[in-house]
């Protein structure tokens, strides 16, 4: 989330794009975490708490991606202009 907000304040297309890539990588880690937790036979009460934390972190990642997409929308015209001028 911090990276996406930095991208917003800097209006940095590349930075925002990297946030979206990081979100995709983190999603894979979440899937691996859930798999590992299920294999370890953790008590249901502990598992539900860990799952809730995992889902909350995923939600934060989705919000960060939303902010990054806004940055992309705001900066695409400028990025295209810079590429055409070069």
PDB file of N, CA and C in Angstrom:
ATOM      1  N   UNK A   1       0.838  -1.180   0.000  1.00  0.00           N
ATOM      2  CA  UNK A   1       0.000   0.000   0.000  1.00  0.00           C
ATOM      3  C   UNK A   1       0.882   1.242   0.000  1.00  0.00           C
ATOM      4  N   UNK A   2       1.948   1.198   0.797  1.00  0.00           N
ATOM      5  CA  UNK A   2       2.855   2.347   0.856  1.00  0.00           C
ATOM      6  C   UNK A   2       3.451   2.642  -0.522  1.00  0.00           C
ATOM      7  N   UNK A   3       3.847   1.606  -1.230  1.00  0.00           N
ATOM      8  CA  UNK A   3       4.420   1.803  -2.567  1.00  0.00           C
ATOM      9  C   UNK A   3       3.407   2.412  -3.531  1.00  0.00           C
ATOM     10  N   UNK A   4       2.169   1.959  -3.456  1.00  0.00           N
ATOM     11  CA  UNK A   4       1.165   2.497  -4.377  1.00  0.00           C
ATOM     12  C   UNK A   4       0.890   3.965  -4.071  1.00  0.00           C
ATOM     13  N   UNK A   5       0.901   4.334  -2.800  1.00  0.00           N
ATOM     14  CA  UNK A   5       0.686   5.736  -2.438  1.00  0.00           C
ATOM     15  C   UNK A   5       1.874   6.598  -2.867  1.00  0.00           C
ATOM     16  N   UNK A   6       3.077   6.051  -2.755  1.00  0.00           N
ATOM     17  CA  UNK A   6       4.244   6.787  -3.247  1.00  0.00           C
ATOM     18  C   UNK A   6       4.136   7.000  -4.754  1.00  0.00           C
ATOM     19  N   UNK A   7       3.693   5.981  -5.457  1.00  0.00           N
ATOM     20  CA  UNK A   7       3.485   6.114  -6.899  1.00  0.00           C
ATOM     21  C   UNK A   7       2.451   7.175  -7.222  1.00  0.00           C
ATOM     22  N   UNK A   8       1.417   7.253  -6.398  1.00  0.00           N
ATOM     23  CA  UNK A   8       0.382   8.259  -6.596  1.00  0.00           C
ATOM     24  C   UNK A   8       0.942   9.668  -6.393  1.00  0.00           C
ATOM     25  N   UNK A   9       1.652   9.867  -5.297  1.00  0.00           N
ATOM     26  CA  UNK A   9       2.168  11.205  -5.009  1.00  0.00           C
ATOM     27  C   UNK A   9       3.258  11.629  -6.000  1.00  0.00           C
ATOM     28  N   UNK A  10       4.030  10.655  -6.480  1.00  0.00           N
ATOM     29  CA  UNK A  10       5.075  10.959  -7.462  1.00  0.00           C
ATOM     30  C   UNK A  10       4.537  10.973  -8.890  1.00  0.00           C
ATOM     31  N   UNK A  11       3.295  10.484  -9.037  1.00  0.00           N
ATOM     32  CA  UNK A  11       2.691  10.310 -10.362  1.00  0.00           C
ATOM     33  C   UNK A  11       3.644   9.546 -11.282  1.00  0.00           C
ATOM     34  N   UNK A  12       4.097   8.408 -10.789  1.00  0.00           N
ATOM     35  CA  UNK A  12       5.112   7.605 -11.459  1.00  0.00           C
ATOM     36  C   UNK A  12       4.484   6.336 -12.043  1.00  0.00           C
ATOM     37  N   UNK A  13       4.377   6.283 -13.369  1.00  0.00           N
ATOM     38  CA  UNK A  13       3.771   5.163 -14.085  1.00  0.00           C
ATOM     39  C   UNK A  13       4.507   3.860 -13.782  1.00  0.00           C
ATOM     40  N   UNK A  14       5.833   3.869 -13.895  1.00  0.00           N
ATOM     41  CA  UNK A  14       6.633   2.650 -13.703  1.00  0.00           C
ATOM     42  C   UNK A  14       6.486   2.115 -12.273  1.00  0.00           C
ATOM     43  N   UNK A  15       6.490   3.016 -11.318  1.00  0.00           N
ATOM     44  CA  UNK A  15       6.363   2.626  -9.915  1.00  0.00           C
ATOM     45  C   UNK A  15       5.009   1.971  -9.681  1.00  0.00           C
ATOM     46  N   UNK A  16       3.966   2.570 -10.222  1.00  0.00           N
ATOM     47  CA  UNK A  16       2.621   2.014 -10.064  1.00  0.00           C
ATOM     48  C   UNK A  16       2.506   0.650 -10.726  1.00  0.00           C
ATOM     49  N   UNK A  17       3.113   0.516 -11.870  1.00  0.00           N
ATOM     50  CA  UNK A  17       3.076  -0.763 -12.576  1.00  0.00           C
ATOM     51  C   UNK A  17       3.774  -1.855 -11.765  1.00  0.00           C
ATOM     52  N   UNK A  18       4.853  -1.497 -11.086  1.00  0.00           N
ATOM     53  CA  UNK A  18       5.567  -2.484 -10.267  1.00  0.00           C
ATOM     54  C   UNK A  18       4.717  -2.947  -9.086  1.00  0.00           C
ATOM     55  N   UNK A  19       3.852  -2.069  -8.574  1.00  0.00           N
ATOM     56  CA  UNK A  19       2.954  -2.454  -7.480  1.00  0.00           C
ATOM     57  C   UNK A  19       2.000  -3.545  -7.948  1.00  0.00           C
ATOM     58  N   UNK A  20       1.500  -3.416  -9.149  1.00  0.00           N
ATOM     59  CA  UNK A  20       0.573  -4.413  -9.691  1.00  0.00           C
ATOM     60  C   UNK A  20       1.277  -5.757  -9.859  1.00  0.00           C
ATOM     61  N   UNK A  21       2.516  -5.734 -10.310  1.00  0.00           N
ATOM     62  CA  UNK A  21       3.286  -6.972 -10.454  1.00  0.00           C
ATOM     63  C   UNK A  21       3.522  -7.606  -9.077  1.00  0.00           C
ATOM     64  N   UNK A  22       3.851  -6.782  -8.087  1.00  0.00           N
ATOM     65  CA  UNK A  22       4.075  -7.296  -6.735  1.00  0.00           C
ATOM     66  C   UNK A  22       2.811  -7.939  -6.185  1.00  0.00           C
ATOM     67  N   UNK A  23       1.666  -7.363  -6.463  1.00  0.00           N
ATOM     68  CA  UNK A  23       0.390  -7.922  -5.983  1.00  0.00           C
ATOM     69  C   UNK A  23       0.181  -9.320  -6.538  1.00  0.00           C
ATOM     70  N   UNK A  24       0.515  -9.505  -7.811  1.00  0.00           N
ATOM     71  CA  UNK A  24       0.365 -10.828  -8.425  1.00  0.00           C
ATOM     72  C   UNK A  24       1.285 -11.849  -7.753  1.00  0.00           C
ATOM     73  N   UNK A  25       2.505 -11.436  -7.426  1.00  0.00           N
ATOM     74  CA  UNK A  25       3.455 -12.326  -6.759  1.00  0.00           C
ATOM     75  C   UNK A  25       2.952 -12.689  -5.356  1.00  0.00           C
ATOM     76  N   UNK A  26       2.406 -11.711  -4.662  1.00  0.00           N
ATOM     77  CA  UNK A  26       1.916 -11.936  -3.302  1.00  0.00           C
ATOM     78  C   UNK A  26       0.711 -12.869  -3.299  1.00  0.00           C
ATOM     79  N   UNK A  27      -0.119 -12.784  -4.322  1.00  0.00           N
ATOM     80  CA  UNK A  27      -1.277 -13.684  -4.412  1.00  0.00           C
ATOM     81  C   UNK A  27      -0.829 -15.134  -4.441  1.00  0.00           C
ATOM     82  N   UNK A  28       0.247 -15.419  -5.152  1.00  0.00           N
ATOM     83  CA  UNK A  28       0.794 -16.768  -5.191  1.00  0.00           C
ATOM     84  C   UNK A  28       1.288 -17.213  -3.822  1.00  0.00           C
ATOM     85  N   UNK A  29       1.886 -16.288  -3.085  1.00  0.00           N
ATOM     86  CA  UNK A  29       2.357 -16.608  -1.735  1.00  0.00           C
ATOM     87  C   UNK A  29       1.192 -16.914  -0.805  1.00  0.00           C
ATOM     88  N   UNK A  30       0.094 -16.200  -0.973  1.00  0.00           N
ATOM     89  CA  UNK A  30      -1.085 -16.445  -0.132  1.00  0.00           C
ATOM     90  C   UNK A  30      -1.609 -17.859  -0.366  1.00  0.00           C
ATOM     91  N   UNK A  31      -1.666 -18.268  -1.620  1.00  0.00           N
ATOM     92  CA  UNK A  31      -2.133 -19.623  -1.925  1.00  0.00           C
ATOM     93  C   UNK A  31      -1.230 -20.669  -1.272  1.00  0.00           C
ATOM     94  N   UNK A  32       0.081 -20.456  -1.330  1.00  0.00           N
ATOM     95  CA  UNK A  32       1.034 -21.382  -0.712  1.00  0.00           C
ATOM     96  C   UNK A  32       0.859 -21.420   0.799  1.00  0.00           C
ATOM     97  N   UNK A  33       0.624 -20.262   1.394  1.00  0.00           N
ATOM     98  CA  UNK A  33       0.426 -20.197   2.835  1.00  0.00           C
ATOM     99  C   UNK A  33      -0.796 -21.003   3.258  1.00  0.00           C
ATOM    100  N   UNK A  34      -1.887 -20.826   2.559  1.00  0.00           N
ATOM    101  CA  UNK A  34      -3.115 -21.546   2.902  1.00  0.00           C
ATOM    102  C   UNK A  34      -2.886 -23.050   2.779  1.00  0.00           C
ATOM    103  N   UNK A  35      -2.214 -23.472   1.728  1.00  0.00           N
ATOM    104  CA  UNK A  35      -1.910 -24.895   1.546  1.00  0.00           C
ATOM    105  C   UNK A  35      -1.107 -25.445   2.716  1.00  0.00           C
ATOM    106  N   UNK A  36      -0.064 -24.700   3.108  1.00  0.00           N
ATOM    107  CA  UNK A  36       0.792 -25.142   4.215  1.00  0.00           C
ATOM    108  C   UNK A  36       0.008 -25.219   5.522  1.00  0.00           C
ATOM    109  N   UNK A  37      -0.830 -24.235   5.764  1.00  0.00           N
ATOM    110  CA  UNK A  37      -1.609 -24.230   6.997  1.00  0.00           C
ATOM    111  C   UNK A  37      -2.543 -25.430   7.061  1.00  0.00           C
ATOM    112  N   UNK A  38      -3.161 -25.762   5.945  1.00  0.00           N
ATOM    113  CA  UNK A  38      -4.084 -26.904   5.925  1.00  0.00           C
ATOM    114  C   UNK A  38      -3.345 -28.223   6.145  1.00  0.00           C
ATOM    115  N   UNK A  39      -2.126 -28.325   5.646  1.00  0.00           N
ATOM    116  CA  UNK A  39      -1.345 -29.556   5.813  1.00  0.00           C
ATOM    117  C   UNK A  39      -0.838 -29.741   7.233  1.00  0.00           C
ATOM    118  N   UNK A  40      -0.698 -28.657   7.988  1.00  0.00           N
ATOM    119  CA  UNK A  40      -0.122 -28.750   9.332  1.00  0.00           C
ATOM    120  C   UNK A  40      -1.137 -29.134  10.405  1.00  0.00           C
ATOM    121  N   UNK A  41      -2.363 -29.319  10.024  1.00  0.00           N
ATOM    122  CA  UNK A  41      -3.409 -29.738  10.961  1.00  0.00           C
ATOM    123  C   UNK A  41      -3.487 -28.826  12.189  1.00  0.00           C
ATOM    124  N   UNK A  42      -3.535 -27.554  11.926  1.00  0.00           N
ATOM    125  CA  UNK A  42      -3.669 -26.543  12.978  1.00  0.00           C
ATOM    126  C   UNK A  42      -5.114 -26.576  13.480  1.00  0.00           C
ATOM    127  N   UNK A  43      -5.327 -26.377  14.782  1.00  0.00           N
ATOM    128  CA  UNK A  43      -6.704 -26.344  15.315  1.00  0.00           C
ATOM    129  C   UNK A  43      -7.560 -25.333  14.540  1.00  0.00           C
ATOM    130  N   UNK A  44      -8.812 -25.665  14.372  1.00  0.00           N
ATOM    131  CA  UNK A  44      -9.723 -24.839  13.567  1.00  0.00           C
ATOM    132  C   UNK A  44      -9.786 -23.400  14.061  1.00  0.00           C
ATOM    133  N   UNK A  45      -9.768 -23.203  15.379  1.00  0.00           N
ATOM    134  CA  UNK A  45      -9.852 -21.833  15.909  1.00  0.00           C
ATOM    135  C   UNK A  45      -8.631 -21.013  15.503  1.00  0.00           C
ATOM    136  N   UNK A  46      -7.456 -21.627  15.531  1.00  0.00           N
ATOM    137  CA  UNK A  46      -6.235 -20.929  15.107  1.00  0.00           C
ATOM    138  C   UNK A  46      -6.227 -20.732  13.599  1.00  0.00           C
ATOM    139  N   UNK A  47      -6.671 -21.731  12.877  1.00  0.00           N
ATOM    140  CA  UNK A  47      -6.694 -21.657  11.425  1.00  0.00           C
ATOM    141  C   UNK A  47      -7.613 -20.543  10.935  1.00  0.00           C
ATOM    142  N   UNK A  48      -8.764 -20.412  11.580  1.00  0.00           N
ATOM    143  CA  UNK A  48      -9.697 -19.370  11.156  1.00  0.00           C
ATOM    144  C   UNK A  48      -9.099 -17.980  11.403  1.00  0.00           C
ATOM    145  N   UNK A  49      -8.385 -17.799  12.502  1.00  0.00           N
ATOM    146  CA  UNK A  49      -7.736 -16.525  12.780  1.00  0.00           C
ATOM    147  C   UNK A  49      -6.649 -16.213  11.765  1.00  0.00           C
ATOM    148  N   UNK A  50      -5.839 -17.225  11.444  1.00  0.00           N
ATOM    149  CA  UNK A  50      -4.778 -17.030  10.449  1.00  0.00           C
ATOM    150  C   UNK A  50      -5.358 -16.752   9.070  1.00  0.00           C
ATOM    151  N   UNK A  51      -6.436 -17.414   8.764  1.00  0.00           N
ATOM    152  CA  UNK A  51      -7.101 -17.196   7.465  1.00  0.00           C
ATOM    153  C   UNK A  51      -7.669 -15.782   7.382  1.00  0.00           C
ATOM    154  N   UNK A  52      -8.215 -15.301   8.479  1.00  0.00           N
ATOM    155  CA  UNK A  52      -8.751 -13.941   8.519  1.00  0.00           C
ATOM    156  C   UNK A  52      -7.630 -12.919   8.298  1.00  0.00           C
ATOM    157  N   UNK A  53      -6.493 -13.145   8.932  1.00  0.00           N
ATOM    158  CA  UNK A  53      -5.340 -12.264   8.724  1.00  0.00           C
ATOM    159  C   UNK A  53      -4.913 -12.294   7.270  1.00  0.00           C
ATOM    160  N   UNK A  54      -4.847 -13.472   6.698  1.00  0.00           N
ATOM    161  CA  UNK A  54      -4.453 -13.627   5.298  1.00  0.00           C
ATOM    162  C   UNK A  54      -5.413 -12.889   4.371  1.00  0.00           C
ATOM    163  N   UNK A  55      -6.696 -13.012   4.623  1.00  0.00           N
ATOM    164  CA  UNK A  55      -7.693 -12.329   3.794  1.00  0.00           C
ATOM    165  C   UNK A  55      -7.610 -10.815   3.954  1.00  0.00           C
ATOM    166  N   UNK A  56      -7.313 -10.360   5.157  1.00  0.00           N
ATOM    167  CA  UNK A  56      -7.160  -8.916   5.381  1.00  0.00           C
ATOM    168  C   UNK A  56      -5.961  -8.372   4.611  1.00  0.00           C
ATOM    169  N   UNK A  57      -4.871  -9.119   4.625  1.00  0.00           N
ATOM    170  CA  UNK A  57      -3.685  -8.704   3.868  1.00  0.00           C
ATOM    171  C   UNK A  57      -3.967  -8.697   2.366  1.00  0.00           C
ATOM    172  N   UNK A  58      -4.724  -9.683   1.905  1.00  0.00           N
ATOM    173  CA  UNK A  58      -5.105  -9.714   0.492  1.00  0.00           C
ATOM    174  C   UNK A  58      -5.936  -8.486   0.143  1.00  0.00           C
ATOM    175  N   UNK A  59      -6.852  -8.122   1.036  1.00  0.00           N
ATOM    176  CA  UNK A  59      -7.683  -6.937   0.816  1.00  0.00           C
ATOM    177  C   UNK A  59      -6.847  -5.672   0.711  1.00  0.00           C
ATOM    178  N   UNK A  60      -5.855  -5.553   1.580  1.00  0.00           N
ATOM    179  CA  UNK A  60      -4.957  -4.398   1.511  1.00  0.00           C
ATOM    180  C   UNK A  60      -4.233  -4.386   0.172  1.00  0.00           C
ATOM    181  N   UNK A  61      -3.808  -5.556  -0.285  1.00  0.00           N
ATOM    182  CA  UNK A  61      -3.152  -5.652  -1.594  1.00  0.00           C
ATOM    183  C   UNK A  61      -4.077  -5.224  -2.721  1.00  0.00           C
ATOM    184  N   UNK A  62      -5.343  -5.580  -2.618  1.00  0.00           N
ATOM    185  CA  UNK A  62      -6.303  -5.175  -3.645  1.00  0.00           C
ATOM    186  C   UNK A  62      -6.518  -3.666  -3.643  1.00  0.00           C
ATOM    187  N   UNK A  63      -6.571  -3.073  -2.440  1.00  0.00           N
ATOM    188  CA  UNK A  63      -6.692  -1.610  -2.365  1.00  0.00           C
ATOM    189  C   UNK A  63      -5.461  -0.937  -2.966  1.00  0.00           C
ATOM    190  N   UNK A  64      -4.290  -1.496  -2.663  1.00  0.00           N
ATOM    191  CA  UNK A  64      -3.049  -0.937  -3.210  1.00  0.00           C
ATOM    192  C   UNK A  64      -3.044  -1.028  -4.735  1.00  0.00           C
ATOM    193  N   UNK A  65      -3.542  -2.136  -5.262  1.00  0.00           N
ATOM    194  CA  UNK A  65      -3.618  -2.300  -6.707  1.00  0.00           C
ATOM    195  C   UNK A  65      -4.595  -1.296  -7.307  1.00  0.00           C
ATOM    196  N   UNK A  66      -5.711  -1.053  -6.619  1.00  0.00           N
ATOM    197  CA  UNK A  66      -6.670  -0.049  -7.096  1.00  0.00           C
ATOM    198  C   UNK A  66      -6.024   1.328  -7.187  1.00  0.00           C
ATOM    199  N   UNK A  67      -5.248   1.692  -6.166  1.00  0.00           N
ATOM    200  CA  UNK A  67      -4.554   2.984  -6.181  1.00  0.00           C
ATOM    201  C   UNK A  67      -3.553   3.015  -7.331  1.00  0.00           C
ATOM    202  N   UNK A  68      -2.814   1.931  -7.512  1.00  0.00           N
ATOM    203  CA  UNK A  68      -1.834   1.864  -8.598  1.00  0.00           C
ATOM    204  C   UNK A  68      -2.513   1.997  -9.960  1.00  0.00           C
ATOM    205  N   UNK A  69      -3.677   1.389 -10.118  1.00  0.00           N
ATOM    206  CA  UNK A  69      -4.405   1.505 -11.386  1.00  0.00           C
ATOM    207  C   UNK A  69      -4.863   2.940 -11.633  1.00  0.00           C
ATOM    208  N   UNK A  70      -5.217   3.648 -10.572  1.00  0.00           N
ATOM    209  CA  UNK A  70      -5.574   5.063 -10.714  1.00  0.00           C
ATOM    210  C   UNK A  70      -4.362   5.849 -11.193  1.00  0.00           C
ATOM    211  N   UNK A  71      -3.196   5.539 -10.624  1.00  0.00           N
ATOM    212  CA  UNK A  71      -1.966   6.214 -11.050  1.00  0.00           C
ATOM    213  C   UNK A  71      -1.720   5.940 -12.531  1.00  0.00           C
ATOM    214  N   UNK A  72      -1.918   4.700 -12.951  1.00  0.00           N
ATOM    215  CA  UNK A  72      -1.734   4.370 -14.367  1.00  0.00           C
ATOM    216  C   UNK A  72      -2.683   5.186 -15.236  1.00  0.00           C
ATOM    217  N   UNK A  73      -3.936   5.260 -14.821  1.00  0.00           N
ATOM    218  CA  UNK A  73      -4.921   6.033 -15.582  1.00  0.00           C
ATOM    219  C   UNK A  73      -4.538   7.506 -15.676  1.00  0.00           C
ATOM    220  N   UNK A  74      -3.986   8.037 -14.590  1.00  0.00           N
ATOM    221  CA  UNK A  74      -3.611   9.446 -14.573  1.00  0.00           C
ATOM    222  C   UNK A  74      -2.354   9.741 -15.386  1.00  0.00           C
ATOM    223  N   UNK A  75      -1.463   8.773 -15.444  1.00  0.00           N
ATOM    224  CA  UNK A  75      -0.157   9.029 -16.059  1.00  0.00           C
ATOM    225  C   UNK A  75       0.008   8.466 -17.461  1.00  0.00           C
ATOM    226  N   UNK A  76      -0.912   7.647 -17.937  1.00  0.00           N
ATOM    227  CA  UNK A  76      -0.786   7.067 -19.275  1.00  0.00           C
ATOM    228  C   UNK A  76      -0.666   8.142 -20.350  1.00  0.00           C
ATOM    229  N   UNK A  77      -1.528   9.153 -20.352  1.00  0.00           N
ATOM    230  CA  UNK A  77      -1.386  10.169 -21.404  1.00  0.00           C
ATOM    231  C   UNK A  77      -0.004  10.833 -21.408  1.00  0.00           C
ATOM    232  N   UNK A  78       0.511  11.120 -20.234  1.00  0.00           N
ATOM    233  CA  UNK A  78       1.831  11.744 -20.135  1.00  0.00           C
ATOM    234  C   UNK A  78       2.925  10.795 -20.607  1.00  0.00           C
ATOM    235  N   UNK A  79       2.821   9.516 -20.250  1.00  0.00           N
ATOM    236  CA  UNK A  79       3.812   8.531 -20.675  1.00  0.00           C
ATOM    237  C   UNK A  79       3.823   8.356 -22.181  1.00  0.00           C
ATOM    238  N   UNK A  80       2.637   8.360 -22.779  1.00  0.00           N
ATOM    239  CA  UNK A  80       2.535   8.227 -24.226  1.00  0.00           C
ATOM    240  C   UNK A  80       3.152   9.452 -24.904  1.00  0.00           C
ATOM    241  N   UNK A  81       2.876  10.635 -24.385  1.00  0.00           N
ATOM    242  CA  UNK A  81       3.445  11.854 -24.940  1.00  0.00           C
ATOM    243  C   UNK A  81       4.957  11.839 -24.876  1.00  0.00           C
ATOM    244  N   UNK A  82       5.518  11.381 -23.763  1.00  0.00           N
ATOM    245  CA  UNK A  82       6.961  11.330 -23.612  1.00  0.00           C
ATOM    246  C   UNK A  82       7.590  10.346 -24.587  1.00  0.00           C
ATOM    247  N   UNK A  83       6.935   9.210 -24.801  1.00  0.00           N
ATOM    248  CA  UNK A  83       7.467   8.220 -25.739  1.00  0.00           C
ATOM    249  C   UNK A  83       7.405   8.718 -27.173  1.00  0.00           C
ATOM    250  N   UNK A  84       6.336   9.424 -27.514  1.00  0.00           N
ATOM    251  CA  UNK A  84       6.198   9.964 -28.874  1.00  0.00           C
ATOM    252  C   UNK A  84       7.241  11.048 -29.113  1.00  0.00           C
ATOM    253  N   UNK A  85       7.493  11.871 -28.099  1.00  0.00           N
ATOM    254  CA  UNK A  85       8.465  12.963 -28.236  1.00  0.00           C
ATOM    255  C   UNK A  85       9.895  12.427 -28.355  1.00  0.00           C
ATOM    256  N   UNK A  86      10.135  11.261 -27.788  1.00  0.00           N
ATOM    257  CA  UNK A  86      11.495  10.683 -27.821  1.00  0.00           C
ATOM    258  C   UNK A  86      11.727  10.050 -29.140  1.00  0.00           C
TER     259      UNK A  86
END
